[in-house]
C-alpha cells in the first residue's frame, strides 16, 4: 500500500507583480533620455557661452517661466478653453457622423472619401482663413481644432464599427434582434478600443491646433504669447510656453487612459492580450 501523502492538486501560487513598478520600468528609458538631453543642453550653453536670446539654458527657462508663471497660466487657461471646446465639437460630430455612416453603406461611400480629402488641407492655410472669416474671437480657433481632430476620431469609429464580429451579429439577427440592438451589443463595444486609440491621437492634435490657431491670430493663449515673446527676443519665455504646452498635451493624453478604464474596462484587457 502506498502510504505517501497525496499530492496537492491546487495550482501553484501566482507571483505578485507590481503593476506600478512595471509602469515605472517602461517609463524609465524615456525619463533617462530626457535627463541626458537636458544635461547636454545645459552643458553646451555653459561651455559655448551662446547668448540667451539664441539659446537659453534649461535653468534659465525654468527660472523665467516660474517668474512669469501667472501670465503664462492665464494664457494656458485660454488655450485649454479653446482645446476643450473645439475637441468637444469634433467629438460630437465624429460620433454622430460615424453612427449615421455605419447605418448606411451609401453614406459611407459618400462621406469617407471626403473625410480623407479634408486631411489634404494644411492647417497653415486653414487657420488664417478662419481668422479672416470669423475674426479674432473664440469661434475660428474652435473650428481649427475641430477640423484638425475630426478625421482620426471619425475614421477610428467607422473602422471600429466595421471590424465587429460578423458571426456575433448574425447570431443576434437570427434571434430576432433589430439593427439597433446589433449595433448596441456588438458593433459599439467592438469600436471602443479603436475609438480610444483615435482619441489619444486627436487630443494631442487638439492642443497643437489650438496653439497654432492662436499663433495666427488671437487675443490670449499660449500661441499668441509665444508670438509676442518671439518678437521681444525672449527665447526663454517662448521655450517656457512650449514646455507648458507639452505638459498640457501629456496630461490630456494620460487622462484618456483614465477615462477608458472607467468607460470601457474590457478595452485594456484586449490591449494586453494583443501585446501578449
C-alpha atoms as a PDB file:
ATOM      1  CA  UNK A   1       0.000   0.000   0.000  1.00  0.00           C
ATOM      2  CA  UNK A   2       1.247   3.458  -0.878  1.00  0.00           C
ATOM      3  CA  UNK A   3       1.464   5.452   2.348  1.00  0.00           C
ATOM      4  CA  UNK A   4       2.932   8.607   0.799  1.00  0.00           C
ATOM      5  CA  UNK A   5       0.834  11.746   1.329  1.00  0.00           C
ATOM      6  CA  UNK A   6      -1.416  12.709  -1.559  1.00  0.00           C
ATOM      7  CA  UNK A   7      -0.121  15.341  -3.897  1.00  0.00           C
ATOM      8  CA  UNK A   8      -1.869  18.661  -3.851  1.00  0.00           C
ATOM      9  CA  UNK A   9      -3.822  19.412  -7.000  1.00  0.00           C
ATOM     10  CA  UNK A  10      -4.076  23.116  -6.247  1.00  0.00           C
ATOM     11  CA  UNK A  11      -2.284  25.380  -8.740  1.00  0.00           C
ATOM     12  CA  UNK A  12       0.951  26.965  -7.583  1.00  0.00           C
ATOM     13  CA  UNK A  13       0.602  30.458  -6.200  1.00  0.00           C
ATOM     14  CA  UNK A  14       0.828  33.177  -8.796  1.00  0.00           C
ATOM     15  CA  UNK A  15       3.699  35.553  -8.164  1.00  0.00           C
ATOM     16  CA  UNK A  16       2.558  39.040  -7.335  1.00  0.00           C
ATOM     17  CA  UNK A  17       3.946  41.638  -9.657  1.00  0.00           C
ATOM     18  CA  UNK A  18       3.615  45.314  -9.013  1.00  0.00           C
ATOM     19  CA  UNK A  19       1.906  46.972 -11.931  1.00  0.00           C
ATOM     20  CA  UNK A  20       3.124  50.315 -10.669  1.00  0.00           C
ATOM     21  CA  UNK A  21       6.742  49.156 -10.800  1.00  0.00           C
ATOM     22  CA  UNK A  22       6.269  47.741 -14.304  1.00  0.00           C
ATOM     23  CA  UNK A  23       4.821  51.064 -15.457  1.00  0.00           C
ATOM     24  CA  UNK A  24       7.793  52.877 -13.959  1.00  0.00           C
ATOM     25  CA  UNK A  25      10.085  50.439 -15.712  1.00  0.00           C
ATOM     26  CA  UNK A  26       8.502  51.252 -19.058  1.00  0.00           C
ATOM     27  CA  UNK A  27       8.846  54.990 -18.443  1.00  0.00           C
ATOM     28  CA  UNK A  28      12.410  54.832 -17.124  1.00  0.00           C
ATOM     29  CA  UNK A  29      14.184  54.823 -20.544  1.00  0.00           C
ATOM     30  CA  UNK A  30      12.267  57.898 -21.712  1.00  0.00           C
ATOM     31  CA  UNK A  31      12.934  59.689 -18.426  1.00  0.00           C
ATOM     32  CA  UNK A  32      16.656  58.909 -18.577  1.00  0.00           C
ATOM     33  CA  UNK A  33      16.807  60.091 -22.198  1.00  0.00           C
ATOM     34  CA  UNK A  34      15.167  63.405 -21.309  1.00  0.00           C
ATOM     35  CA  UNK A  35      17.521  63.940 -18.369  1.00  0.00           C
ATOM     36  CA  UNK A  36      20.574  63.248 -20.546  1.00  0.00           C
ATOM     37  CA  UNK A  37      19.378  65.601 -23.299  1.00  0.00           C
ATOM     38  CA  UNK A  38      18.650  68.399 -20.828  1.00  0.00           C
ATOM     39  CA  UNK A  39      22.046  67.904 -19.187  1.00  0.00           C
ATOM     40  CA  UNK A  40      23.767  68.092 -22.586  1.00  0.00           C
ATOM     41  CA  UNK A  41      21.778  71.232 -23.398  1.00  0.00           C
ATOM     42  CA  UNK A  42      22.831  72.859 -20.110  1.00  0.00           C
ATOM     43  CA  UNK A  43      26.464  71.878 -20.602  1.00  0.00           C
ATOM     44  CA  UNK A  44      26.537  73.183 -24.176  1.00  0.00           C
ATOM     45  CA  UNK A  45      25.137  76.578 -23.167  1.00  0.00           C
ATOM     46  CA  UNK A  46      27.661  76.947 -20.357  1.00  0.00           C
ATOM     47  CA  UNK A  47      30.653  75.826 -22.433  1.00  0.00           C
ATOM     48  CA  UNK A  48      29.827  77.691 -25.637  1.00  0.00           C
ATOM     49  CA  UNK A  49      28.725  80.938 -23.979  1.00  0.00           C
ATOM     50  CA  UNK A  50      25.918  81.327 -26.517  1.00  0.00           C
ATOM     51  CA  UNK A  51      23.636  84.298 -25.982  1.00  0.00           C
ATOM     52  CA  UNK A  52      20.357  83.641 -24.147  1.00  0.00           C
ATOM     53  CA  UNK A  53      18.473  85.316 -26.991  1.00  0.00           C
ATOM     54  CA  UNK A  54      19.561  82.453 -29.235  1.00  0.00           C
ATOM     55  CA  UNK A  55      19.570  79.510 -26.837  1.00  0.00           C
ATOM     56  CA  UNK A  56      18.877  79.970 -23.127  1.00  0.00           C
ATOM     57  CA  UNK A  57      19.874  77.271 -20.692  1.00  0.00           C
ATOM     58  CA  UNK A  58      17.231  74.942 -19.225  1.00  0.00           C
ATOM     59  CA  UNK A  59      17.786  76.521 -15.815  1.00  0.00           C
ATOM     60  CA  UNK A  60      17.097  79.972 -17.237  1.00  0.00           C
ATOM     61  CA  UNK A  61      13.950  78.709 -18.959  1.00  0.00           C
ATOM     62  CA  UNK A  62      12.665  77.271 -15.683  1.00  0.00           C
ATOM     63  CA  UNK A  63      13.646  80.370 -13.735  1.00  0.00           C
ATOM     64  CA  UNK A  64      11.983  82.829 -16.111  1.00  0.00           C
ATOM     65  CA  UNK A  65       8.972  80.571 -16.599  1.00  0.00           C
ATOM     66  CA  UNK A  66       8.451  80.460 -12.846  1.00  0.00           C
ATOM     67  CA  UNK A  67       8.933  84.238 -12.577  1.00  0.00           C
ATOM     68  CA  UNK A  68       6.183  84.760 -15.205  1.00  0.00           C
ATOM     69  CA  UNK A  69       4.028  81.845 -14.038  1.00  0.00           C
ATOM     70  CA  UNK A  70       0.914  83.973 -13.508  1.00  0.00           C
ATOM     71  CA  UNK A  71       0.986  85.379 -17.018  1.00  0.00           C
ATOM     72  CA  UNK A  72       1.739  82.006 -18.581  1.00  0.00           C
ATOM     73  CA  UNK A  73      -1.003  80.314 -16.539  1.00  0.00           C
ATOM     74  CA  UNK A  74      -3.582  82.821 -17.795  1.00  0.00           C
ATOM     75  CA  UNK A  75      -2.649  82.101 -21.396  1.00  0.00           C
ATOM     76  CA  UNK A  76      -2.621  78.348 -20.691  1.00  0.00           C
ATOM     77  CA  UNK A  77      -6.188  78.525 -19.381  1.00  0.00           C
ATOM     78  CA  UNK A  78      -7.260  80.273 -22.594  1.00  0.00           C
ATOM     79  CA  UNK A  79      -5.590  77.553 -24.667  1.00  0.00           C
ATOM     80  CA  UNK A  80      -7.287  74.847 -22.611  1.00  0.00           C
ATOM     81  CA  UNK A  81     -10.644  76.520 -23.194  1.00  0.00           C
ATOM     82  CA  UNK A  82     -10.103  76.515 -26.960  1.00  0.00           C
ATOM     83  CA  UNK A  83      -8.850  72.921 -26.882  1.00  0.00           C
ATOM     84  CA  UNK A  84     -11.763  71.631 -24.802  1.00  0.00           C
ATOM     85  CA  UNK A  85     -14.433  73.464 -26.802  1.00  0.00           C
ATOM     86  CA  UNK A  86     -13.054  72.513 -30.210  1.00  0.00           C
ATOM     87  CA  UNK A  87     -12.417  68.923 -29.179  1.00  0.00           C
ATOM     88  CA  UNK A  88     -15.922  68.555 -27.721  1.00  0.00           C
ATOM     89  CA  UNK A  89     -17.394  69.820 -31.006  1.00  0.00           C
ATOM     90  CA  UNK A  90     -15.191  67.474 -33.013  1.00  0.00           C
ATOM     91  CA  UNK A  91     -16.012  64.523 -30.746  1.00  0.00           C
ATOM     92  CA  UNK A  92     -19.755  65.098 -31.053  1.00  0.00           C
ATOM     93  CA  UNK A  93     -19.640  65.393 -34.842  1.00  0.00           C
ATOM     94  CA  UNK A  94     -17.389  62.340 -35.161  1.00  0.00           C
ATOM     95  CA  UNK A  95     -19.772  60.149 -33.173  1.00  0.00           C
ATOM     96  CA  UNK A  96     -22.840  61.465 -34.987  1.00  0.00           C
ATOM     97  CA  UNK A  97     -21.483  61.023 -38.496  1.00  0.00           C
ATOM     98  CA  UNK A  98     -19.790  57.698 -37.744  1.00  0.00           C
ATOM     99  CA  UNK A  99     -23.050  56.209 -36.445  1.00  0.00           C
ATOM    100  CA  UNK A 100     -25.008  57.588 -39.414  1.00  0.00           C
ATOM    101  CA  UNK A 101     -22.411  56.243 -41.852  1.00  0.00           C
ATOM    102  CA  UNK A 102     -22.460  52.824 -40.162  1.00  0.00           C
ATOM    103  CA  UNK A 103     -26.208  52.527 -40.679  1.00  0.00           C
ATOM    104  CA  UNK A 104     -25.983  53.484 -44.359  1.00  0.00           C
ATOM    105  CA  UNK A 105     -23.417  51.904 -46.727  1.00  0.00           C
ATOM    106  CA  UNK A 106     -24.270  54.569 -49.312  1.00  0.00           C
ATOM    107  CA  UNK A 107     -23.361  57.351 -46.903  1.00  0.00           C
ATOM    108  CA  UNK A 108     -20.146  55.504 -46.059  1.00  0.00           C
ATOM    109  CA  UNK A 109     -19.121  55.560 -49.711  1.00  0.00           C
ATOM    110  CA  UNK A 110     -20.128  59.235 -49.941  1.00  0.00           C
ATOM    111  CA  UNK A 111     -18.542  60.632 -46.767  1.00  0.00           C
ATOM    112  CA  UNK A 112     -15.373  58.611 -46.106  1.00  0.00           C
ATOM    113  CA  UNK A 113     -13.566  59.940 -49.228  1.00  0.00           C
ATOM    114  CA  UNK A 114     -14.493  63.454 -48.117  1.00  0.00           C
ATOM    115  CA  UNK A 115     -13.070  62.767 -44.659  1.00  0.00           C
ATOM    116  CA  UNK A 116      -9.805  61.634 -46.248  1.00  0.00           C
ATOM    117  CA  UNK A 117      -9.726  64.622 -48.615  1.00  0.00           C
ATOM    118  CA  UNK A 118     -10.191  67.005 -45.698  1.00  0.00           C
ATOM    119  CA  UNK A 119      -6.782  65.933 -44.378  1.00  0.00           C
ATOM    120  CA  UNK A 120      -5.067  67.223 -47.502  1.00  0.00           C
ATOM    121  CA  UNK A 121      -5.902  70.789 -46.432  1.00  0.00           C
ATOM    122  CA  UNK A 122      -2.890  72.085 -44.465  1.00  0.00           C
ATOM    123  CA  UNK A 123      -3.615  73.733 -41.139  1.00  0.00           C
ATOM    124  CA  UNK A 124      -1.203  76.512 -42.051  1.00  0.00           C
ATOM    125  CA  UNK A 125      -3.640  77.504 -44.808  1.00  0.00           C
ATOM    126  CA  UNK A 126      -6.871  76.898 -42.884  1.00  0.00           C
ATOM    127  CA  UNK A 127      -6.074  78.907 -39.753  1.00  0.00           C
ATOM    128  CA  UNK A 128      -5.543  82.293 -41.485  1.00  0.00           C
ATOM    129  CA  UNK A 129      -8.754  81.836 -43.465  1.00  0.00           C
ATOM    130  CA  UNK A 130     -10.706  81.163 -40.267  1.00  0.00           C
ATOM    131  CA  UNK A 131      -9.338  84.355 -38.746  1.00  0.00           C
ATOM    132  CA  UNK A 132     -10.254  86.328 -41.881  1.00  0.00           C
ATOM    133  CA  UNK A 133     -13.782  84.922 -41.980  1.00  0.00           C
ATOM    134  CA  UNK A 134     -14.640  84.890 -38.262  1.00  0.00           C
ATOM    135  CA  UNK A 135     -12.310  87.412 -36.627  1.00  0.00           C
ATOM    136  CA  UNK A 136     -10.119  87.021 -33.546  1.00  0.00           C
ATOM    137  CA  UNK A 137     -12.677  85.564 -31.150  1.00  0.00           C
ATOM    138  CA  UNK A 138     -13.175  82.024 -29.899  1.00  0.00           C
ATOM    139  CA  UNK A 139     -15.030  80.651 -32.939  1.00  0.00           C
ATOM    140  CA  UNK A 140     -12.181  80.493 -35.515  1.00  0.00           C
ATOM    141  CA  UNK A 141      -9.833  78.745 -33.100  1.00  0.00           C
ATOM    142  CA  UNK A 142     -12.541  76.254 -32.113  1.00  0.00           C
ATOM    143  CA  UNK A 143     -13.191  75.474 -35.780  1.00  0.00           C
ATOM    144  CA  UNK A 144      -9.483  74.900 -36.447  1.00  0.00           C
ATOM    145  CA  UNK A 145      -9.260  72.450 -33.535  1.00  0.00           C
ATOM    146  CA  UNK A 146     -12.402  70.654 -34.719  1.00  0.00           C
ATOM    147  CA  UNK A 147     -11.099  70.325 -38.275  1.00  0.00           C
ATOM    148  CA  UNK A 148      -7.724  69.024 -37.110  1.00  0.00           C
ATOM    149  CA  UNK A 149      -9.124  66.400 -34.729  1.00  0.00           C
ATOM    150  CA  UNK A 150     -12.274  65.270 -36.522  1.00  0.00           C
ATOM    151  CA  UNK A 151     -10.669  62.906 -39.023  1.00  0.00           C
ATOM    152  CA  UNK A 152      -8.787  60.486 -36.708  1.00  0.00           C
ATOM    153  CA  UNK A 153     -11.768  60.040 -34.389  1.00  0.00           C
ATOM    154  CA  UNK A 154     -14.338  59.631 -37.158  1.00  0.00           C
ATOM    155  CA  UNK A 155     -12.216  57.123 -39.074  1.00  0.00           C
ATOM    156  CA  UNK A 156     -11.370  55.273 -35.866  1.00  0.00           C
ATOM    157  CA  UNK A 157     -15.063  54.871 -35.063  1.00  0.00           C
ATOM    158  CA  UNK A 158     -16.059  53.907 -38.603  1.00  0.00           C
ATOM    159  CA  UNK A 159     -13.340  51.248 -38.821  1.00  0.00           C
ATOM    160  CA  UNK A 160     -14.175  50.054 -35.322  1.00  0.00           C
ATOM    161  CA  UNK A 161     -17.827  49.539 -36.249  1.00  0.00           C
ATOM    162  CA  UNK A 162     -16.813  47.722 -39.430  1.00  0.00           C
ATOM    163  CA  UNK A 163     -14.451  45.408 -37.501  1.00  0.00           C
ATOM    164  CA  UNK A 164     -17.276  43.966 -35.410  1.00  0.00           C
ATOM    165  CA  UNK A 165     -17.612  40.182 -35.184  1.00  0.00           C
ATOM    166  CA  UNK A 166     -19.914  39.203 -38.058  1.00  0.00           C
ATOM    167  CA  UNK A 167     -20.778  35.861 -36.519  1.00  0.00           C
ATOM    168  CA  UNK A 168     -21.961  37.542 -33.327  1.00  0.00           C
ATOM    169  CA  UNK A 169     -24.064  39.953 -35.362  1.00  0.00           C
ATOM    170  CA  UNK A 170     -25.541  37.130 -37.425  1.00  0.00           C
ATOM    171  CA  UNK A 171     -26.354  35.204 -34.237  1.00  0.00           C
ATOM    172  CA  UNK A 172     -28.238  38.148 -32.757  1.00  0.00           C
ATOM    173  CA  UNK A 173     -30.139  38.714 -36.006  1.00  0.00           C
ATOM    174  CA  UNK A 174     -31.117  35.031 -36.094  1.00  0.00           C
ATOM    175  CA  UNK A 175     -32.585  35.534 -32.616  1.00  0.00           C
ATOM    176  CA  UNK A 176     -34.724  38.404 -33.865  1.00  0.00           C
ATOM    177  CA  UNK A 177     -32.538  41.344 -32.815  1.00  0.00           C
ATOM    178  CA  UNK A 178     -33.029  44.613 -34.635  1.00  0.00           C
ATOM    179  CA  UNK A 179     -30.269  46.562 -36.370  1.00  0.00           C
ATOM    180  CA  UNK A 180     -30.153  48.977 -33.444  1.00  0.00           C
ATOM    181  CA  UNK A 181     -29.748  46.092 -30.982  1.00  0.00           C
ATOM    182  CA  UNK A 182     -26.939  44.551 -33.052  1.00  0.00           C
ATOM    183  CA  UNK A 183     -25.266  47.940 -33.118  1.00  0.00           C
ATOM    184  CA  UNK A 184     -25.606  48.374 -29.353  1.00  0.00           C
ATOM    185  CA  UNK A 185     -24.449  44.924 -28.267  1.00  0.00           C
ATOM    186  CA  UNK A 186     -21.893  44.020 -30.973  1.00  0.00           C
ATOM    187  CA  UNK A 187     -20.749  46.887 -33.149  1.00  0.00           C
ATOM    188  CA  UNK A 188     -20.486  49.588 -30.469  1.00  0.00           C
ATOM    189  CA  UNK A 189     -18.365  47.568 -27.985  1.00  0.00           C
ATOM    190  CA  UNK A 190     -16.040  46.462 -30.779  1.00  0.00           C
ATOM    191  CA  UNK A 191     -15.421  50.088 -31.795  1.00  0.00           C
ATOM    192  CA  UNK A 192     -14.471  51.316 -28.311  1.00  0.00           C
ATOM    193  CA  UNK A 193     -10.791  50.165 -28.330  1.00  0.00           C
ATOM    194  CA  UNK A 194     -10.155  51.762 -31.726  1.00  0.00           C
ATOM    195  CA  UNK A 195     -12.011  54.877 -30.634  1.00  0.00           C
ATOM    196  CA  UNK A 196      -9.790  55.418 -27.607  1.00  0.00           C
ATOM    197  CA  UNK A 197      -6.703  54.918 -29.758  1.00  0.00           C
ATOM    198  CA  UNK A 198      -8.011  57.606 -32.105  1.00  0.00           C
ATOM    199  CA  UNK A 199      -8.982  59.737 -29.112  1.00  0.00           C
ATOM    200  CA  UNK A 200      -5.386  59.791 -27.898  1.00  0.00           C
ATOM    201  CA  UNK A 201      -4.197  60.904 -31.324  1.00  0.00           C
ATOM    202  CA  UNK A 202      -6.912  63.527 -31.574  1.00  0.00           C
ATOM    203  CA  UNK A 203      -6.335  65.073 -28.145  1.00  0.00           C
ATOM    204  CA  UNK A 204      -2.672  65.757 -28.922  1.00  0.00           C
ATOM    205  CA  UNK A 205      -3.642  67.242 -32.290  1.00  0.00           C
ATOM    206  CA  UNK A 206      -6.181  69.419 -30.487  1.00  0.00           C
ATOM    207  CA  UNK A 207      -3.561  71.180 -28.367  1.00  0.00           C
ATOM    208  CA  UNK A 208      -1.299  71.720 -31.379  1.00  0.00           C
ATOM    209  CA  UNK A 209      -4.212  73.037 -33.439  1.00  0.00           C
ATOM    210  CA  UNK A 210      -5.280  75.425 -30.681  1.00  0.00           C
ATOM    211  CA  UNK A 211      -1.757  76.827 -30.234  1.00  0.00           C
ATOM    212  CA  UNK A 212      -1.294  77.256 -33.979  1.00  0.00           C
ATOM    213  CA  UNK A 213      -4.661  78.973 -34.367  1.00  0.00           C
ATOM    214  CA  UNK A 214      -3.716  81.352 -31.545  1.00  0.00           C
ATOM    215  CA  UNK A 215      -0.331  81.923 -33.136  1.00  0.00           C
ATOM    216  CA  UNK A 216      -2.033  83.090 -36.354  1.00  0.00           C
ATOM    217  CA  UNK A 217      -4.400  85.453 -34.601  1.00  0.00           C
ATOM    218  CA  UNK A 218      -5.769  85.704 -31.075  1.00  0.00           C
ATOM    219  CA  UNK A 219      -6.010  88.000 -28.087  1.00  0.00           C
ATOM    220  CA  UNK A 220      -4.991  85.415 -25.494  1.00  0.00           C
ATOM    221  CA  UNK A 221      -3.478  81.942 -25.396  1.00  0.00           C
ATOM    222  CA  UNK A 222      -0.108  80.230 -25.440  1.00  0.00           C
ATOM    223  CA  UNK A 223       0.168  80.673 -29.207  1.00  0.00           C
ATOM    224  CA  UNK A 224      -0.130  84.453 -29.137  1.00  0.00           C
ATOM    225  CA  UNK A 225       2.062  84.530 -26.035  1.00  0.00           C
ATOM    226  CA  UNK A 226       4.835  82.721 -27.920  1.00  0.00           C
ATOM    227  CA  UNK A 227       4.433  85.115 -30.835  1.00  0.00           C
ATOM    228  CA  UNK A 228       4.727  88.186 -28.602  1.00  0.00           C
ATOM    229  CA  UNK A 229       7.760  86.826 -26.755  1.00  0.00           C
ATOM    230  CA  UNK A 230       9.405  85.877 -30.045  1.00  0.00           C
ATOM    231  CA  UNK A 231       9.035  89.445 -31.255  1.00  0.00           C
ATOM    232  CA  UNK A 232      10.666  90.605 -27.990  1.00  0.00           C
ATOM    233  CA  UNK A 233      13.543  88.105 -28.423  1.00  0.00           C
ATOM    234  CA  UNK A 234      12.575  86.377 -25.157  1.00  0.00           C
ATOM    235  CA  UNK A 235      13.507  82.895 -26.270  1.00  0.00           C
ATOM    236  CA  UNK A 236      13.475  81.713 -22.677  1.00  0.00           C
ATOM    237  CA  UNK A 237       9.787  82.581 -22.286  1.00  0.00           C
ATOM    238  CA  UNK A 238       8.977  81.044 -25.673  1.00  0.00           C
ATOM    239  CA  UNK A 239      10.550  77.779 -24.532  1.00  0.00           C
ATOM    240  CA  UNK A 240       8.752  78.039 -21.180  1.00  0.00           C
ATOM    241  CA  UNK A 241       5.441  78.297 -23.055  1.00  0.00           C
ATOM    242  CA  UNK A 242       6.464  75.327 -25.231  1.00  0.00           C
ATOM    243  CA  UNK A 243       7.175  73.344 -22.061  1.00  0.00           C
ATOM    244  CA  UNK A 244       3.742  74.197 -20.654  1.00  0.00           C
ATOM    245  CA  UNK A 245       2.134  73.192 -23.964  1.00  0.00           C
ATOM    246  CA  UNK A 246       3.919  69.834 -23.812  1.00  0.00           C
ATOM    247  CA  UNK A 247       2.750  69.301 -20.228  1.00  0.00           C
ATOM    248  CA  UNK A 248      -0.850  70.004 -21.242  1.00  0.00           C
ATOM    249  CA  UNK A 249      -0.614  67.538 -24.137  1.00  0.00           C
ATOM    250  CA  UNK A 250       0.869  64.798 -21.958  1.00  0.00           C
ATOM    251  CA  UNK A 251      -1.687  65.391 -19.192  1.00  0.00           C
ATOM    252  CA  UNK A 252      -4.619  65.171 -21.622  1.00  0.00           C
ATOM    253  CA  UNK A 253      -3.087  62.097 -23.260  1.00  0.00           C
ATOM    254  CA  UNK A 254      -2.788  60.326 -19.902  1.00  0.00           C
ATOM    255  CA  UNK A 255      -6.318  61.413 -18.975  1.00  0.00           C
ATOM    256  CA  UNK A 256      -7.693  59.342 -21.850  1.00  0.00           C
ATOM    257  CA  UNK A 257      -6.382  56.168 -20.180  1.00  0.00           C
ATOM    258  CA  UNK A 258      -8.296  57.009 -17.012  1.00  0.00           C
ATOM    259  CA  UNK A 259     -11.475  57.662 -18.976  1.00  0.00           C
ATOM    260  CA  UNK A 260     -11.011  54.397 -20.886  1.00  0.00           C
ATOM    261  CA  UNK A 261     -10.586  52.452 -17.648  1.00  0.00           C
ATOM    262  CA  UNK A 262     -13.888  53.869 -16.362  1.00  0.00           C
ATOM    263  CA  UNK A 263     -15.939  53.718 -19.568  1.00  0.00           C
ATOM    264  CA  UNK A 264     -14.568  50.513 -21.119  1.00  0.00           C
ATOM    265  CA  UNK A 265     -12.512  48.429 -18.679  1.00  0.00           C
ATOM    266  CA  UNK A 266     -12.564  45.463 -21.065  1.00  0.00           C
ATOM    267  CA  UNK A 267     -10.652  47.508 -23.650  1.00  0.00           C
ATOM    268  CA  UNK A 268      -7.436  47.432 -21.596  1.00  0.00           C
ATOM    269  CA  UNK A 269      -7.719  43.632 -21.326  1.00  0.00           C
ATOM    270  CA  UNK A 270      -7.901  43.384 -25.110  1.00  0.00           C
ATOM    271  CA  UNK A 271      -4.818  45.565 -25.470  1.00  0.00           C
ATOM    272  CA  UNK A 272      -2.875  43.344 -23.072  1.00  0.00           C
ATOM    273  CA  UNK A 273      -3.947  40.169 -24.878  1.00  0.00           C
ATOM    274  CA  UNK A 274      -2.829  41.629 -28.209  1.00  0.00           C
ATOM    275  CA  UNK A 275       0.566  42.562 -26.753  1.00  0.00           C
ATOM    276  CA  UNK A 276       0.843  39.080 -25.283  1.00  0.00           C
END
